[in-house]
Every structure is written in structure tokens, then in C-alpha cells.
Amino acid sequence: MKTSGPPQTPPEVGATLQKMRLERNLTLEDLSRAAGVSKSMLSQIEREKANPTIAVAWRLANALGVSIGELLTPETRPAESIRLLEAHELPTLSSDHAGYVLRILGPMELAGKFEWYELTLAPDGVLASTPHDPGATEHLTVLQGAVELEAGGEKKRIRAGATARYAVDCNHAIRNSGKVEAKALLVVIHR
């Protein structure tokens, strides 16, 4: 079907992407890690040397905490009093073999300073982490089920309703050794 008028061109998202990234104080590497898109691809998009696929644009929008429409539309809209993110808009990290799902609840601009997550552990699931920066701490509140926490050479069982606070400048792990799914809120504070 033919349409009249000038030919349509894809939106140039590079400037919008770079503006959103810089507003959140994110480096190309930060955004690359959060969105699962290579640094070289991000650089090409920002320099208008490449246009992202829908899948890449969706991952970038999720990592930036914006809708895909906001990323693809260069016009500036007035700031919303309440910014609502639907469940599908929150970036999620998961590992089927390790049995965890980690939904990133905090805004990307706070990454590396103050982060919070919803952690879901399947039975026998584990979230094992290498040391964070010196002085970093985690605060784990179990919402459902129970988990075993290992940090600093010590192990503790944490039941629903309890909160554990611990240093994470060492290897640490959160395990669900129970028979039912466990859910928790996890806050990471970097010093």
C-alpha cells in the first residue's frame, strides 16, 4: 500500500539515549551491564551510527526505567508527579540453574550507591556473590519462606519477617534450603 508524503525514517534515538544515560550518571559500561547490550553497540547508537532493534530498545528502556516510547520519542515531556513502572518494565536478572530471580526495584541512577531488589529463590536456589566494595553492606528482609545466609564465615537462618544486616566485602550467599519458594527484599548500600 502506497502512502503519500515524504518517506518515513526511523527515529534517531542516539541523542535521547545519551541524554537519559547522562542524566542518570551512568557510564556506557554501567548501561551495558544493566541492559545486556554491548558497549560498542551503545556507542554506535548514541553516535547515530546504528539504530537499535525493538528488542535492544526494550532492554535499554527497561534499564533506564522509561517506556520504550519515551526512548524512541525525542520530544521532552513535563515530568510526572508519580512515575509508575509496571512489573514488566522492571529489569530482571535470573539464573535457571542457580534458581533465583532478582528484580531490580531501584532506579539505575542510584546503581553503585544504593540498590534494592526483590529476590525470589526456588527450593535449593542460591544467590552467591563475590565481594563488593570495601564497606558495602546488605540488608535482607525475608517476606516469604526462609533462607540461609552465609557471610563473613558465619551462617544464619532467616525466617519470614526477619531482617539480616551484614558486610558484603567478602564472598556471601543466600540459599533456600526449604521445600517452598522464598521471597525477600534485598538492599545494598555501597560506601
C-alpha atoms as a PDB file:
ATOM      1  CA  MET A   1       0.000   0.000   0.000  1.00  0.00           C
ATOM      2  CA  LYS A   2       1.438   3.363  -1.021  1.00  0.00           C
ATOM      3  CA  THR A   3       1.260   6.426   1.170  1.00  0.00           C
ATOM      4  CA  SER A   4       1.694   9.994   0.089  1.00  0.00           C
ATOM      5  CA  GLY A   5       4.149  12.381   1.671  1.00  0.00           C
ATOM      6  CA  PRO A   6       7.844  12.196   2.466  1.00  0.00           C
ATOM      7  CA  PRO A   7       9.429   8.796   3.108  1.00  0.00           C
ATOM      8  CA  GLN A   8       9.444   7.696   6.751  1.00  0.00           C
ATOM      9  CA  THR A   9      12.802   7.404   8.507  1.00  0.00           C
ATOM     10  CA  PRO A  10      13.487   5.565  11.753  1.00  0.00           C
ATOM     11  CA  PRO A  11      13.671   7.719  14.869  1.00  0.00           C
ATOM     12  CA  GLU A  12      17.130   8.886  15.842  1.00  0.00           C
ATOM     13  CA  VAL A  13      17.397   7.646  19.402  1.00  0.00           C
ATOM     14  CA  GLY A  14      21.100   8.326  19.948  1.00  0.00           C
ATOM     15  CA  ALA A  15      20.783  11.803  21.438  1.00  0.00           C
ATOM     16  CA  THR A  16      17.829  10.757  23.598  1.00  0.00           C
ATOM     17  CA  LEU A  17      19.663   7.651  24.821  1.00  0.00           C
ATOM     18  CA  GLN A  18      22.800   9.628  25.654  1.00  0.00           C
ATOM     19  CA  LYS A  19      20.797  12.345  27.434  1.00  0.00           C
ATOM     20  CA  MET A  20      18.923   9.771  29.550  1.00  0.00           C
ATOM     21  CA  ARG A  21      22.150   7.894  30.347  1.00  0.00           C
ATOM     22  CA  LEU A  22      23.985  11.062  31.414  1.00  0.00           C
ATOM     23  CA  GLU A  23      21.016  12.321  33.480  1.00  0.00           C
ATOM     24  CA  ARG A  24      21.337   9.106  35.487  1.00  0.00           C
ATOM     25  CA  ASN A  25      25.137   9.463  35.826  1.00  0.00           C
ATOM     26  CA  LEU A  26      25.659   6.152  34.040  1.00  0.00           C
ATOM     27  CA  THR A  27      28.728   5.267  32.025  1.00  0.00           C
ATOM     28  CA  LEU A  28      28.426   3.254  28.817  1.00  0.00           C
ATOM     29  CA  GLU A  29      29.712   0.295  30.832  1.00  0.00           C
ATOM     30  CA  ASP A  30      27.033   0.775  33.543  1.00  0.00           C
ATOM     31  CA  LEU A  31      24.243   0.835  30.961  1.00  0.00           C
ATOM     32  CA  SER A  32      25.812  -2.027  29.003  1.00  0.00           C
ATOM     33  CA  ARG A  33      25.815  -4.221  32.119  1.00  0.00           C
ATOM     34  CA  ALA A  34      22.270  -3.250  33.166  1.00  0.00           C
ATOM     35  CA  ALA A  35      20.730  -3.680  29.702  1.00  0.00           C
ATOM     36  CA  GLY A  36      22.785  -6.611  28.433  1.00  0.00           C
ATOM     37  CA  VAL A  37      23.836  -4.623  25.337  1.00  0.00           C
ATOM     38  CA  SER A  38      27.491  -4.320  24.325  1.00  0.00           C
ATOM     39  CA  LYS A  39      29.339  -1.051  24.940  1.00  0.00           C
ATOM     40  CA  SER A  40      30.267  -0.844  21.266  1.00  0.00           C
ATOM     41  CA  MET A  41      26.597  -1.142  20.221  1.00  0.00           C
ATOM     42  CA  LEU A  42      25.604   1.552  22.758  1.00  0.00           C
ATOM     43  CA  SER A  43      28.319   3.831  21.414  1.00  0.00           C
ATOM     44  CA  GLN A  44      27.157   3.285  17.828  1.00  0.00           C
ATOM     45  CA  ILE A  45      23.541   4.018  18.784  1.00  0.00           C
ATOM     46  CA  GLU A  46      24.495   7.208  20.642  1.00  0.00           C
ATOM     47  CA  ARG A  47      26.553   8.397  17.644  1.00  0.00           C
ATOM     48  CA  GLU A  48      23.595   7.624  15.310  1.00  0.00           C
ATOM     49  CA  LYS A  49      25.748   5.030  13.507  1.00  0.00           C
ATOM     50  CA  ALA A  50      23.211   2.289  14.267  1.00  0.00           C
ATOM     51  CA  ASN A  51      19.538   2.027  15.153  1.00  0.00           C
ATOM     52  CA  PRO A  52      18.568  -0.447  17.882  1.00  0.00           C
ATOM     53  CA  THR A  53      16.295  -3.384  17.183  1.00  0.00           C
ATOM     54  CA  ILE A  54      12.996  -3.427  19.075  1.00  0.00           C
ATOM     55  CA  ALA A  55      14.474  -5.992  21.484  1.00  0.00           C
ATOM     56  CA  VAL A  56      17.552  -3.813  22.164  1.00  0.00           C
ATOM     57  CA  ALA A  57      15.407  -0.667  22.542  1.00  0.00           C
ATOM     58  CA  TRP A  58      13.166  -2.533  25.010  1.00  0.00           C
ATOM     59  CA  ARG A  59      16.188  -3.668  27.096  1.00  0.00           C
ATOM     60  CA  LEU A  60      17.632  -0.135  27.088  1.00  0.00           C
ATOM     61  CA  ALA A  61      14.300   1.409  28.089  1.00  0.00           C
ATOM     62  CA  ASN A  62      13.908  -1.099  30.947  1.00  0.00           C
ATOM     63  CA  ALA A  63      17.446  -0.466  32.161  1.00  0.00           C
ATOM     64  CA  LEU A  64      16.824   3.297  32.130  1.00  0.00           C
ATOM     65  CA  GLY A  65      13.423   2.950  33.824  1.00  0.00           C
ATOM     66  CA  VAL A  66      11.498   4.545  30.952  1.00  0.00           C
ATOM     67  CA  SER A  67       8.933   3.288  28.465  1.00  0.00           C
ATOM     68  CA  ILE A  68      10.119   2.303  25.016  1.00  0.00           C
ATOM     69  CA  GLY A  69       8.031   5.186  23.648  1.00  0.00           C
ATOM     70  CA  GLU A  70       9.979   7.697  25.745  1.00  0.00           C
ATOM     71  CA  LEU A  71      13.237   6.323  24.384  1.00  0.00           C
ATOM     72  CA  LEU A  72      12.037   6.473  20.774  1.00  0.00           C
ATOM     73  CA  THR A  73      10.391   9.899  21.037  1.00  0.00           C
ATOM     74  CA  PRO A  74      12.851  12.789  21.139  1.00  0.00           C
ATOM     75  CA  GLU A  75      10.351  15.348  22.424  1.00  0.00           C
ATOM     76  CA  THR A  76      10.586  16.352  26.065  1.00  0.00           C
ATOM     77  CA  ARG A  77       7.504  15.867  28.185  1.00  0.00           C
ATOM     78  CA  PRO A  78       6.778  17.547  31.512  1.00  0.00           C
ATOM     79  CA  ALA A  79       7.901  15.486  34.494  1.00  0.00           C
ATOM     80  CA  GLU A  80       5.241  13.297  36.038  1.00  0.00           C
ATOM     81  CA  SER A  81       4.400  13.724  39.706  1.00  0.00           C
ATOM     82  CA  ILE A  82       4.138   9.957  40.019  1.00  0.00           C
ATOM     83  CA  ARG A  83       6.212   7.709  37.757  1.00  0.00           C
ATOM     84  CA  LEU A  84       4.617   4.261  37.657  1.00  0.00           C
ATOM     85  CA  LEU A  85       6.603   1.267  36.460  1.00  0.00           C
ATOM     86  CA  GLU A  86       4.619  -1.849  35.663  1.00  0.00           C
ATOM     87  CA  ALA A  87       6.093  -5.223  36.636  1.00  0.00           C
ATOM     88  CA  HIS A  88       7.203  -5.971  33.061  1.00  0.00           C
ATOM     89  CA  GLU A  89       9.155  -2.684  32.935  1.00  0.00           C
ATOM     90  CA  LEU A  90      11.491  -3.627  35.810  1.00  0.00           C
ATOM     91  CA  PRO A  91      14.828  -5.116  34.741  1.00  0.00           C
ATOM     92  CA  THR A  92      15.225  -8.691  35.925  1.00  0.00           C
ATOM     93  CA  LEU A  93      18.292 -10.866  36.370  1.00  0.00           C
ATOM     94  CA  SER A  94      17.808 -14.596  36.679  1.00  0.00           C
ATOM     95  CA  SER A  95      19.600 -17.901  36.632  1.00  0.00           C
ATOM     96  CA  ASP A  96      17.625 -21.041  35.976  1.00  0.00           C
ATOM     97  CA  HIS A  97      20.475 -23.302  37.073  1.00  0.00           C
ATOM     98  CA  ALA A  98      21.023 -21.339  40.312  1.00  0.00           C
ATOM     99  CA  GLY A  99      17.267 -20.998  40.936  1.00  0.00           C
ATOM    100  CA  TYR A 100      16.954 -17.264  41.535  1.00  0.00           C
ATOM    101  CA  VAL A 101      15.145 -14.269  40.061  1.00  0.00           C
ATOM    102  CA  LEU A 102      16.368 -10.795  41.038  1.00  0.00           C
ATOM    103  CA  ARG A 103      14.078  -7.888  40.069  1.00  0.00           C
ATOM    104  CA  ILE A 104      15.821  -4.512  40.132  1.00  0.00           C
ATOM    105  CA  LEU A 105      13.471  -2.182  42.033  1.00  0.00           C
ATOM    106  CA  GLY A 106      15.810   0.804  42.437  1.00  0.00           C
ATOM    107  CA  PRO A 107      16.407   3.440  39.753  1.00  0.00           C
ATOM    108  CA  MET A 108      19.514   2.973  37.614  1.00  0.00           C
ATOM    109  CA  GLU A 109      20.943   6.365  38.591  1.00  0.00           C
ATOM    110  CA  LEU A 110      21.486   5.024  42.132  1.00  0.00           C
ATOM    111  CA  ALA A 111      23.295   1.863  40.969  1.00  0.00           C
ATOM    112  CA  GLY A 112      26.649   1.571  42.693  1.00  0.00           C
ATOM    113  CA  LYS A 113      25.442   3.715  45.618  1.00  0.00           C
ATOM    114  CA  PHE A 114      22.140   2.371  46.898  1.00  0.00           C
ATOM    115  CA  GLU A 115      20.341  -0.554  45.259  1.00  0.00           C
ATOM    116  CA  TRP A 116      17.271  -2.567  46.130  1.00  0.00           C
ATOM    117  CA  TYR A 117      15.898  -5.761  44.718  1.00  0.00           C
ATOM    118  CA  GLU A 118      13.138  -8.328  45.070  1.00  0.00           C
ATOM    119  CA  LEU A 119      14.774 -11.745  45.375  1.00  0.00           C
ATOM    120  CA  THR A 120      12.878 -14.941  44.625  1.00  0.00           C
ATOM    121  CA  LEU A 121      14.615 -18.243  45.374  1.00  0.00           C
ATOM    122  CA  ALA A 122      13.255 -21.592  44.239  1.00  0.00           C
ATOM    123  CA  PRO A 123      13.747 -24.539  46.590  1.00  0.00           C
ATOM    124  CA  ASP A 124      17.509 -25.302  46.568  1.00  0.00           C
ATOM    125  CA  GLY A 125      18.104 -21.955  44.811  1.00  0.00           C
ATOM    126  CA  VAL A 126      21.124 -19.844  45.684  1.00  0.00           C
ATOM    127  CA  LEU A 127      22.284 -16.297  45.008  1.00  0.00           C
ATOM    128  CA  ALA A 128      26.059 -16.400  45.507  1.00  0.00           C
ATOM    129  CA  SER A 129      28.084 -13.197  45.227  1.00  0.00           C
ATOM    130  CA  THR A 130      31.724 -12.232  45.157  1.00  0.00           C
ATOM    131  CA  PRO A 131      32.913  -9.400  47.431  1.00  0.00           C
ATOM    132  CA  HIS A 132      31.507  -5.922  46.853  1.00  0.00           C
ATOM    133  CA  ASP A 133      33.462  -2.718  47.512  1.00  0.00           C
ATOM    134  CA  PRO A 134      35.026  -2.289  50.985  1.00  0.00           C
ATOM    135  CA  GLY A 135      32.436  -1.083  53.488  1.00  0.00           C
ATOM    136  CA  ALA A 136      29.422  -2.249  51.445  1.00  0.00           C
ATOM    137  CA  THR A 137      26.527  -3.770  53.386  1.00  0.00           C
ATOM    138  CA  GLU A 138      23.369  -5.687  52.522  1.00  0.00           C
ATOM    139  CA  HIS A 139      20.053  -5.662  54.328  1.00  0.00           C
ATOM    140  CA  LEU A 140      17.927  -8.746  53.672  1.00  0.00           C
ATOM    141  CA  THR A 141      14.279  -8.887  54.756  1.00  0.00           C
ATOM    142  CA  VAL A 142      12.591 -12.242  54.201  1.00  0.00           C
ATOM    143  CA  LEU A 143       8.964 -11.832  53.112  1.00  0.00           C
ATOM    144  CA  GLN A 144       8.035 -15.474  52.495  1.00  0.00           C
ATOM    145  CA  GLY A 145       9.645 -18.787  53.407  1.00  0.00           C
ATOM    146  CA  ALA A 146      13.084 -18.889  54.992  1.00  0.00           C
ATOM    147  CA  VAL A 147      16.650 -18.614  53.728  1.00  0.00           C
ATOM    148  CA  GLU A 148      20.129 -19.442  54.934  1.00  0.00           C
ATOM    149  CA  LEU A 149      22.594 -16.559  54.805  1.00  0.00           C
ATOM    150  CA  GLU A 150      26.352 -17.101  54.689  1.00  0.00           C
ATOM    151  CA  ALA A 151      28.661 -14.091  55.082  1.00  0.00           C
ATOM    152  CA  GLY A 152      31.919 -13.422  56.882  1.00  0.00           C
ATOM    153  CA  GLY A 153      32.407 -17.099  57.691  1.00  0.00           C
ATOM    154  CA  GLU A 154      29.104 -17.269  59.563  1.00  0.00           C
ATOM    155  CA  LYS A 155      25.749 -18.905  58.669  1.00  0.00           C
ATOM    156  CA  LYS A 156      22.300 -17.859  59.910  1.00  0.00           C
ATOM    157  CA  ARG A 157      18.765 -18.972  59.097  1.00  0.00           C
ATOM    158  CA  ILE A 158      16.385 -16.069  58.446  1.00  0.00           C
ATOM    159  CA  ARG A 159      12.629 -16.622  58.593  1.00  0.00           C
ATOM    160  CA  ALA A 160       9.772 -14.548  57.158  1.00  0.00           C
ATOM    161  CA  GLY A 161       9.541 -11.154  58.840  1.00  0.00           C
ATOM    162  CA  ALA A 162      13.169 -11.048  59.993  1.00  0.00           C
ATOM    163  CA  THR A 163      15.913  -8.783  58.626  1.00  0.00           C
ATOM    164  CA  ALA A 164      19.641  -9.503  58.492  1.00  0.00           C
ATOM    165  CA  ARG A 165      22.268  -6.769  58.103  1.00  0.00           C
ATOM    166  CA  TYR A 166      25.776  -7.828  57.114  1.00  0.00           C
ATOM    167  CA  ALA A 167      29.022  -6.774  55.442  1.00  0.00           C
ATOM    168  CA  VAL A 168      29.457  -7.874  51.821  1.00  0.00           C
ATOM    169  CA  ASP A 169      33.111  -7.064  51.185  1.00  0.00           C
ATOM    170  CA  CYS A 170      33.600 -10.853  51.293  1.00  0.00           C
ATOM    171  CA  ASN A 171      32.053 -13.812  49.455  1.00  0.00           C
ATOM    172  CA  HIS A 172      28.441 -14.228  50.539  1.00  0.00           C
ATOM    173  CA  ALA A 173      25.434 -16.348  49.608  1.00  0.00           C
ATOM    174  CA  ILE A 174      21.703 -16.544  50.193  1.00  0.00           C
ATOM    175  CA  ARG A 175      20.264 -20.087  49.929  1.00  0.00           C
ATOM    176  CA  ASN A 176      16.789 -21.546  50.047  1.00  0.00           C
ATOM    177  CA  SER A 177      17.217 -24.985  51.579  1.00  0.00           C
ATOM    178  CA  GLY A 178      13.458 -25.254  52.159  1.00  0.00           C
ATOM    179  CA  LYS A 179      10.782 -27.004  50.112  1.00  0.00           C
ATOM    180  CA  VAL A 180       8.837 -23.839  49.160  1.00  0.00           C
ATOM    181  CA  GLU A 181       9.758 -20.705  47.248  1.00  0.00           C
ATOM    182  CA  ALA A 182      11.302 -17.897  49.314  1.00  0.00           C
ATOM    183  CA  LYS A 183      10.928 -14.159  48.647  1.00  0.00           C
ATOM    184  CA  ALA A 184      12.939 -11.324  50.125  1.00  0.00           C
ATOM    185  CA  LEU A 185      13.775  -7.664  49.736  1.00  0.00           C
ATOM    186  CA  LEU A 186      17.492  -7.045  49.362  1.00  0.00           C
ATOM    187  CA  VAL A 187      19.040  -3.590  49.837  1.00  0.00           C
ATOM    188  CA  VAL A 188      22.706  -2.982  49.009  1.00  0.00           C
ATOM    189  CA  ILE A 189      24.459   0.125  50.352  1.00  0.00           C
ATOM    190  CA  HIS A 190      27.843   0.978  48.870  1.00  0.00           C
ATOM    191  CA  ARG A 191      30.183   3.191  50.902  1.00  0.00           C
END
